[in-house]
């Protein structure tokens, strides 16, 4: 029974990391697209993208803490 609990915890962290990786990829993609459309706002777009990527990666730390 302990092995099943450990596997469930590992899957929990893996799915959180997978979701965060997909989220960061989408953020980067849309930030590049937005910078291409409006190069004058590149600095603001970059700052917002970095903040959103950090928030998306924070989910993994919550998953590790809860596992």
PDB file of N, CA and C in Angstrom:
ATOM      1  N   UNK A   1       0.826  -1.191   0.000  1.00  0.00           N
ATOM      2  CA  UNK A   1       0.000   0.000   0.000  1.00  0.00           C
ATOM      3  C   UNK A   1       0.872   1.256   0.000  1.00  0.00           C
ATOM      4  N   UNK A   2       2.032   1.195   0.653  1.00  0.00           N
ATOM      5  CA  UNK A   2       2.913   2.362   0.672  1.00  0.00           C
ATOM      6  C   UNK A   2       3.467   2.663  -0.720  1.00  0.00           C
ATOM      7  N   UNK A   3       3.731   1.615  -1.486  1.00  0.00           N
ATOM      8  CA  UNK A   3       4.262   1.816  -2.839  1.00  0.00           C
ATOM      9  C   UNK A   3       3.221   2.528  -3.704  1.00  0.00           C
ATOM     10  N   UNK A   4       1.957   2.166  -3.548  1.00  0.00           N
ATOM     11  CA  UNK A   4       0.892   2.817  -4.307  1.00  0.00           C
ATOM     12  C   UNK A   4       0.793   4.294  -3.946  1.00  0.00           C
ATOM     13  N   UNK A   5       0.952   4.617  -2.683  1.00  0.00           N
ATOM     14  CA  UNK A   5       0.909   6.015  -2.254  1.00  0.00           C
ATOM     15  C   UNK A   5       2.087   6.801  -2.830  1.00  0.00           C
ATOM     16  N   UNK A   6       3.259   6.194  -2.868  1.00  0.00           N
ATOM     17  CA  UNK A   6       4.429   6.878  -3.433  1.00  0.00           C
ATOM     18  C   UNK A   6       4.259   7.098  -4.931  1.00  0.00           C
ATOM     19  N   UNK A   7       3.729   6.105  -5.636  1.00  0.00           N
ATOM     20  CA  UNK A   7       3.497   6.267  -7.078  1.00  0.00           C
ATOM     21  C   UNK A   7       2.480   7.359  -7.348  1.00  0.00           C
ATOM     22  N   UNK A   8       1.423   7.409  -6.565  1.00  0.00           N
ATOM     23  CA  UNK A   8       0.411   8.449  -6.761  1.00  0.00           C
ATOM     24  C   UNK A   8       1.018   9.822  -6.532  1.00  0.00           C
ATOM     25  N   UNK A   9       1.875   9.953  -5.558  1.00  0.00           N
ATOM     26  CA  UNK A   9       2.542  11.225  -5.305  1.00  0.00           C
ATOM     27  C   UNK A   9       3.466  11.620  -6.436  1.00  0.00           C
ATOM     28  N   UNK A  10       4.170  10.644  -6.990  1.00  0.00           N
ATOM     29  CA  UNK A  10       5.060  10.928  -8.111  1.00  0.00           C
ATOM     30  C   UNK A  10       4.275  11.330  -9.357  1.00  0.00           C
ATOM     31  N   UNK A  11       3.148  10.670  -9.609  1.00  0.00           N
ATOM     32  CA  UNK A  11       2.314  11.059 -10.742  1.00  0.00           C
ATOM     33  C   UNK A  11       1.756  12.458 -10.548  1.00  0.00           C
ATOM     34  N   UNK A  12       1.409  12.770  -9.322  1.00  0.00           N
ATOM     35  CA  UNK A  12       0.885  14.092  -8.982  1.00  0.00           C
ATOM     36  C   UNK A  12       1.898  15.171  -9.367  1.00  0.00           C
ATOM     37  N   UNK A  13       3.134  14.984  -8.994  1.00  0.00           N
ATOM     38  CA  UNK A  13       4.185  15.959  -9.299  1.00  0.00           C
ATOM     39  C   UNK A  13       4.475  15.977 -10.793  1.00  0.00           C
ATOM     40  N   UNK A  14       4.494  14.830 -11.419  1.00  0.00           N
ATOM     41  CA  UNK A  14       4.760  14.754 -12.854  1.00  0.00           C
ATOM     42  C   UNK A  14       3.703  15.467 -13.676  1.00  0.00           C
ATOM     43  N   UNK A  15       2.442  15.276 -13.331  1.00  0.00           N
ATOM     44  CA  UNK A  15       1.372  15.959 -14.063  1.00  0.00           C
ATOM     45  C   UNK A  15       1.415  17.460 -13.830  1.00  0.00           C
ATOM     46  N   UNK A  16       1.758  17.879 -12.618  1.00  0.00           N
ATOM     47  CA  UNK A  16       1.884  19.313 -12.343  1.00  0.00           C
ATOM     48  C   UNK A  16       3.034  19.903 -13.150  1.00  0.00           C
ATOM     49  N   UNK A  17       4.149  19.187 -13.237  1.00  0.00           N
ATOM     50  CA  UNK A  17       5.287  19.676 -14.021  1.00  0.00           C
ATOM     51  C   UNK A  17       4.949  19.713 -15.503  1.00  0.00           C
ATOM     52  N   UNK A  18       4.234  18.713 -15.990  1.00  0.00           N
ATOM     53  CA  UNK A  18       3.822  18.694 -17.395  1.00  0.00           C
ATOM     54  C   UNK A  18       2.900  19.866 -17.710  1.00  0.00           C
ATOM     55  N   UNK A  19       1.944  20.116 -16.836  1.00  0.00           N
ATOM     56  CA  UNK A  19       1.032  21.242 -17.035  1.00  0.00           C
ATOM     57  C   UNK A  19       1.755  22.576 -16.999  1.00  0.00           C
ATOM     58  N   UNK A  20       2.705  22.709 -16.070  1.00  0.00           N
ATOM     59  CA  UNK A  20       3.475  23.952 -15.986  1.00  0.00           C
ATOM     60  C   UNK A  20       4.334  24.146 -17.223  1.00  0.00           C
ATOM     61  N   UNK A  21       4.921  23.069 -17.738  1.00  0.00           N
ATOM     62  CA  UNK A  21       5.753  23.173 -18.942  1.00  0.00           C
ATOM     63  C   UNK A  21       4.915  23.586 -20.149  1.00  0.00           C
ATOM     64  N   UNK A  22       3.738  23.026 -20.274  1.00  0.00           N
ATOM     65  CA  UNK A  22       2.853  23.416 -21.375  1.00  0.00           C
ATOM     66  C   UNK A  22       2.437  24.875 -21.216  1.00  0.00           C
ATOM     67  N   UNK A  23       2.131  25.273 -19.988  1.00  0.00           N
ATOM     68  CA  UNK A  23       1.736  26.657 -19.736  1.00  0.00           C
ATOM     69  C   UNK A  23       2.840  27.649 -20.054  1.00  0.00           C
ATOM     70  N   UNK A  24       4.056  27.344 -19.650  1.00  0.00           N
ATOM     71  CA  UNK A  24       5.184  28.234 -19.940  1.00  0.00           C
ATOM     72  C   UNK A  24       5.435  28.300 -21.441  1.00  0.00           C
ATOM     73  N   UNK A  25       5.288  27.193 -22.131  1.00  0.00           N
ATOM     74  CA  UNK A  25       5.444  27.191 -23.578  1.00  0.00           C
ATOM     75  C   UNK A  25       4.409  28.061 -24.262  1.00  0.00           C
ATOM     76  N   UNK A  26       3.169  27.983 -23.814  1.00  0.00           N
ATOM     77  CA  UNK A  26       2.122  28.826 -24.383  1.00  0.00           C
ATOM     78  C   UNK A  26       2.369  30.301 -24.081  1.00  0.00           C
ATOM     79  N   UNK A  27       2.829  30.595 -22.885  1.00  0.00           N
ATOM     80  CA  UNK A  27       3.133  31.980 -22.517  1.00  0.00           C
ATOM     81  C   UNK A  27       4.237  32.521 -23.412  1.00  0.00           C
ATOM     82  N   UNK A  28       5.288  31.746 -23.606  1.00  0.00           N
ATOM     83  CA  UNK A  28       6.385  32.182 -24.469  1.00  0.00           C
ATOM     84  C   UNK A  28       5.943  32.377 -25.907  1.00  0.00           C
ATOM     85  N   UNK A  29       5.114  31.475 -26.388  1.00  0.00           N
ATOM     86  CA  UNK A  29       4.623  31.568 -27.753  1.00  0.00           C
ATOM     87  C   UNK A  29       3.787  32.828 -27.958  1.00  0.00           C
ATOM     88  N   UNK A  30       2.878  33.073 -27.046  1.00  0.00           N
ATOM     89  CA  UNK A  30       2.015  34.248 -27.179  1.00  0.00           C
ATOM     90  C   UNK A  30       2.784  35.539 -26.945  1.00  0.00           C
ATOM     91  N   UNK A  31       3.807  35.504 -26.087  1.00  0.00           N
ATOM     92  CA  UNK A  31       4.631  36.704 -25.879  1.00  0.00           C
ATOM     93  C   UNK A  31       5.423  37.032 -27.137  1.00  0.00           C
ATOM     94  N   UNK A  32       5.942  36.016 -27.801  1.00  0.00           N
ATOM     95  CA  UNK A  32       6.660  36.250 -29.053  1.00  0.00           C
ATOM     96  C   UNK A  32       5.721  36.783 -30.122  1.00  0.00           C
ATOM     97  N   UNK A  33       4.514  36.241 -30.173  1.00  0.00           N
ATOM     98  CA  UNK A  33       3.524  36.713 -31.139  1.00  0.00           C
ATOM     99  C   UNK A  33       3.131  38.164 -30.856  1.00  0.00           C
ATOM    100  N   UNK A  34       2.929  38.490 -29.583  1.00  0.00           N
ATOM    101  CA  UNK A  34       2.558  39.859 -29.226  1.00  0.00           C
ATOM    102  C   UNK A  34       3.690  40.836 -29.508  1.00  0.00           C
ATOM    103  N   UNK A  35       4.930  40.417 -29.287  1.00  0.00           N
ATOM    104  CA  UNK A  35       6.069  41.282 -29.585  1.00  0.00           C
ATOM    105  C   UNK A  35       6.192  41.503 -31.093  1.00  0.00           C
ATOM    106  N   UNK A  36       5.889  40.493 -31.875  1.00  0.00           N
ATOM    107  CA  UNK A  36       5.914  40.639 -33.327  1.00  0.00           C
ATOM    108  C   UNK A  36       4.853  41.607 -33.825  1.00  0.00           C
ATOM    109  N   UNK A  37       3.713  41.616 -33.156  1.00  0.00           N
ATOM    110  CA  UNK A  37       2.642  42.509 -33.571  1.00  0.00           C
ATOM    111  C   UNK A  37       2.891  43.946 -33.122  1.00  0.00           C
ATOM    112  N   UNK A  38       3.519  44.107 -31.946  1.00  0.00           N
ATOM    113  CA  UNK A  38       3.749  45.447 -31.406  1.00  0.00           C
ATOM    114  C   UNK A  38       5.156  45.518 -30.812  1.00  0.00           C
ATOM    115  N   UNK A  39       6.173  45.759 -31.622  1.00  0.00           N
ATOM    116  CA  UNK A  39       7.549  45.773 -31.116  1.00  0.00           C
ATOM    117  C   UNK A  39       7.822  46.865 -30.092  1.00  0.00           C
ATOM    118  N   UNK A  40       7.031  47.916 -30.111  1.00  0.00           N
ATOM    119  CA  UNK A  40       7.236  49.004 -29.157  1.00  0.00           C
ATOM    120  C   UNK A  40       6.922  48.608 -27.723  1.00  0.00           C
ATOM    121  N   UNK A  41       6.115  47.596 -27.549  1.00  0.00           N
ATOM    122  CA  UNK A  41       5.723  47.159 -26.208  1.00  0.00           C
ATOM    123  C   UNK A  41       6.496  45.919 -25.775  1.00  0.00           C
ATOM    124  N   UNK A  42       7.640  45.665 -26.376  1.00  0.00           N
ATOM    125  CA  UNK A  42       8.390  44.440 -26.095  1.00  0.00           C
ATOM    126  C   UNK A  42       8.811  44.345 -24.633  1.00  0.00           C
ATOM    127  N   UNK A  43       9.220  45.451 -24.046  1.00  0.00           N
ATOM    128  CA  UNK A  43       9.655  45.422 -22.647  1.00  0.00           C
ATOM    129  C   UNK A  43       8.526  45.067 -21.698  1.00  0.00           C
ATOM    130  N   UNK A  44       7.370  45.662 -21.892  1.00  0.00           N
ATOM    131  CA  UNK A  44       6.221  45.366 -21.031  1.00  0.00           C
ATOM    132  C   UNK A  44       5.746  43.933 -21.231  1.00  0.00           C
ATOM    133  N   UNK A  45       5.729  43.487 -22.476  1.00  0.00           N
ATOM    134  CA  UNK A  45       5.303  42.112 -22.761  1.00  0.00           C
ATOM    135  C   UNK A  45       6.258  41.121 -22.115  1.00  0.00           C
ATOM    136  N   UNK A  46       7.562  41.396 -22.195  1.00  0.00           N
ATOM    137  CA  UNK A  46       8.555  40.512 -21.594  1.00  0.00           C
ATOM    138  C   UNK A  46       8.366  40.428 -20.080  1.00  0.00           C
ATOM    139  N   UNK A  47       8.145  41.579 -19.435  1.00  0.00           N
ATOM    140  CA  UNK A  47       7.964  41.584 -17.981  1.00  0.00           C
ATOM    141  C   UNK A  47       6.739  40.785 -17.561  1.00  0.00           C
ATOM    142  N   UNK A  48       5.646  40.982 -18.264  1.00  0.00           N
ATOM    143  CA  UNK A  48       4.423  40.248 -17.940  1.00  0.00           C
ATOM    144  C   UNK A  48       4.617  38.756 -18.185  1.00  0.00           C
ATOM    145  N   UNK A  49       5.296  38.390 -19.274  1.00  0.00           N
ATOM    146  CA  UNK A  49       5.524  36.976 -19.588  1.00  0.00           C
ATOM    147  C   UNK A  49       6.390  36.312 -18.520  1.00  0.00           C
ATOM    148  N   UNK A  50       7.395  37.028 -18.023  1.00  0.00           N
ATOM    149  CA  UNK A  50       8.257  36.456 -16.980  1.00  0.00           C
ATOM    150  C   UNK A  50       7.464  36.231 -15.700  1.00  0.00           C
ATOM    151  N   UNK A  51       6.621  37.182 -15.338  1.00  0.00           N
ATOM    152  CA  UNK A  51       5.803  37.035 -14.128  1.00  0.00           C
ATOM    153  C   UNK A  51       4.839  35.868 -14.273  1.00  0.00           C
ATOM    154  N   UNK A  52       4.180  35.762 -15.422  1.00  0.00           N
ATOM    155  CA  UNK A  52       3.233  34.670 -15.629  1.00  0.00           C
ATOM    156  C   UNK A  52       3.924  33.311 -15.674  1.00  0.00           C
ATOM    157  N   UNK A  53       5.122  33.253 -16.244  1.00  0.00           N
ATOM    158  CA  UNK A  53       5.862  31.987 -16.264  1.00  0.00           C
ATOM    159  C   UNK A  53       6.252  31.572 -14.849  1.00  0.00           C
ATOM    160  N   UNK A  54       6.638  32.533 -14.019  1.00  0.00           N
ATOM    161  CA  UNK A  54       6.986  32.211 -12.635  1.00  0.00           C
ATOM    162  C   UNK A  54       5.774  31.710 -11.868  1.00  0.00           C
ATOM    163  N   UNK A  55       4.617  32.296 -12.112  1.00  0.00           N
ATOM    164  CA  UNK A  55       3.400  31.824 -11.446  1.00  0.00           C
ATOM    165  C   UNK A  55       3.021  30.417 -11.916  1.00  0.00           C
ATOM    166  N   UNK A  56       3.201  30.141 -13.202  1.00  0.00           N
ATOM    167  CA  UNK A  56       2.898  28.804 -13.721  1.00  0.00           C
ATOM    168  C   UNK A  56       3.846  27.763 -13.133  1.00  0.00           C
ATOM    169  N   UNK A  57       5.109  28.121 -12.976  1.00  0.00           N
ATOM    170  CA  UNK A  57       6.070  27.177 -12.396  1.00  0.00           C
ATOM    171  C   UNK A  57       5.872  27.011 -10.895  1.00  0.00           C
ATOM    172  N   UNK A  58       5.254  27.977 -10.257  1.00  0.00           N
ATOM    173  CA  UNK A  58       4.975  27.868  -8.827  1.00  0.00           C
ATOM    174  C   UNK A  58       4.036  26.722  -8.505  1.00  0.00           C
ATOM    175  N   UNK A  59       3.229  26.322  -9.476  1.00  0.00           N
ATOM    176  CA  UNK A  59       2.306  25.200  -9.265  1.00  0.00           C
ATOM    177  C   UNK A  59       3.081  23.928  -8.953  1.00  0.00           C
ATOM    178  N   UNK A  60       4.237  23.751  -9.577  1.00  0.00           N
ATOM    179  CA  UNK A  60       5.047  22.559  -9.337  1.00  0.00           C
ATOM    180  C   UNK A  60       5.529  22.534  -7.889  1.00  0.00           C
ATOM    181  N   UNK A  61       5.896  23.693  -7.359  1.00  0.00           N
ATOM    182  CA  UNK A  61       6.351  23.737  -5.973  1.00  0.00           C
ATOM    183  C   UNK A  61       5.220  23.410  -5.007  1.00  0.00           C
ATOM    184  N   UNK A  62       3.995  23.840  -5.321  1.00  0.00           N
ATOM    185  CA  UNK A  62       2.863  23.457  -4.495  1.00  0.00           C
ATOM    186  C   UNK A  62       2.637  21.954  -4.554  1.00  0.00           C
ATOM    187  N   UNK A  63       2.789  21.361  -5.736  1.00  0.00           N
ATOM    188  CA  UNK A  63       2.602  19.904  -5.884  1.00  0.00           C
ATOM    189  C   UNK A  63       3.660  19.142  -5.094  1.00  0.00           C
ATOM    190  N   UNK A  64       4.906  19.639  -5.140  1.00  0.00           N
ATOM    191  CA  UNK A  64       5.975  18.973  -4.371  1.00  0.00           C
ATOM    192  C   UNK A  64       5.700  19.093  -2.881  1.00  0.00           C
ATOM    193  N   UNK A  65       5.223  20.254  -2.446  1.00  0.00           N
ATOM    194  CA  UNK A  65       4.934  20.460  -1.030  1.00  0.00           C
ATOM    195  C   UNK A  65       3.778  19.561  -0.572  1.00  0.00           C
ATOM    196  N   UNK A  66       2.770  19.406  -1.407  1.00  0.00           N
ATOM    197  CA  UNK A  66       1.610  18.602  -1.019  1.00  0.00           C
ATOM    198  C   UNK A  66       1.880  17.102  -1.118  1.00  0.00           C
ATOM    199  N   UNK A  67       2.860  16.708  -1.915  1.00  0.00           N
ATOM    200  CA  UNK A  67       3.163  15.280  -2.040  1.00  0.00           C
ATOM    201  C   UNK A  67       3.984  14.859  -0.876  1.00  0.00           C
TER     202      UNK A  67
END
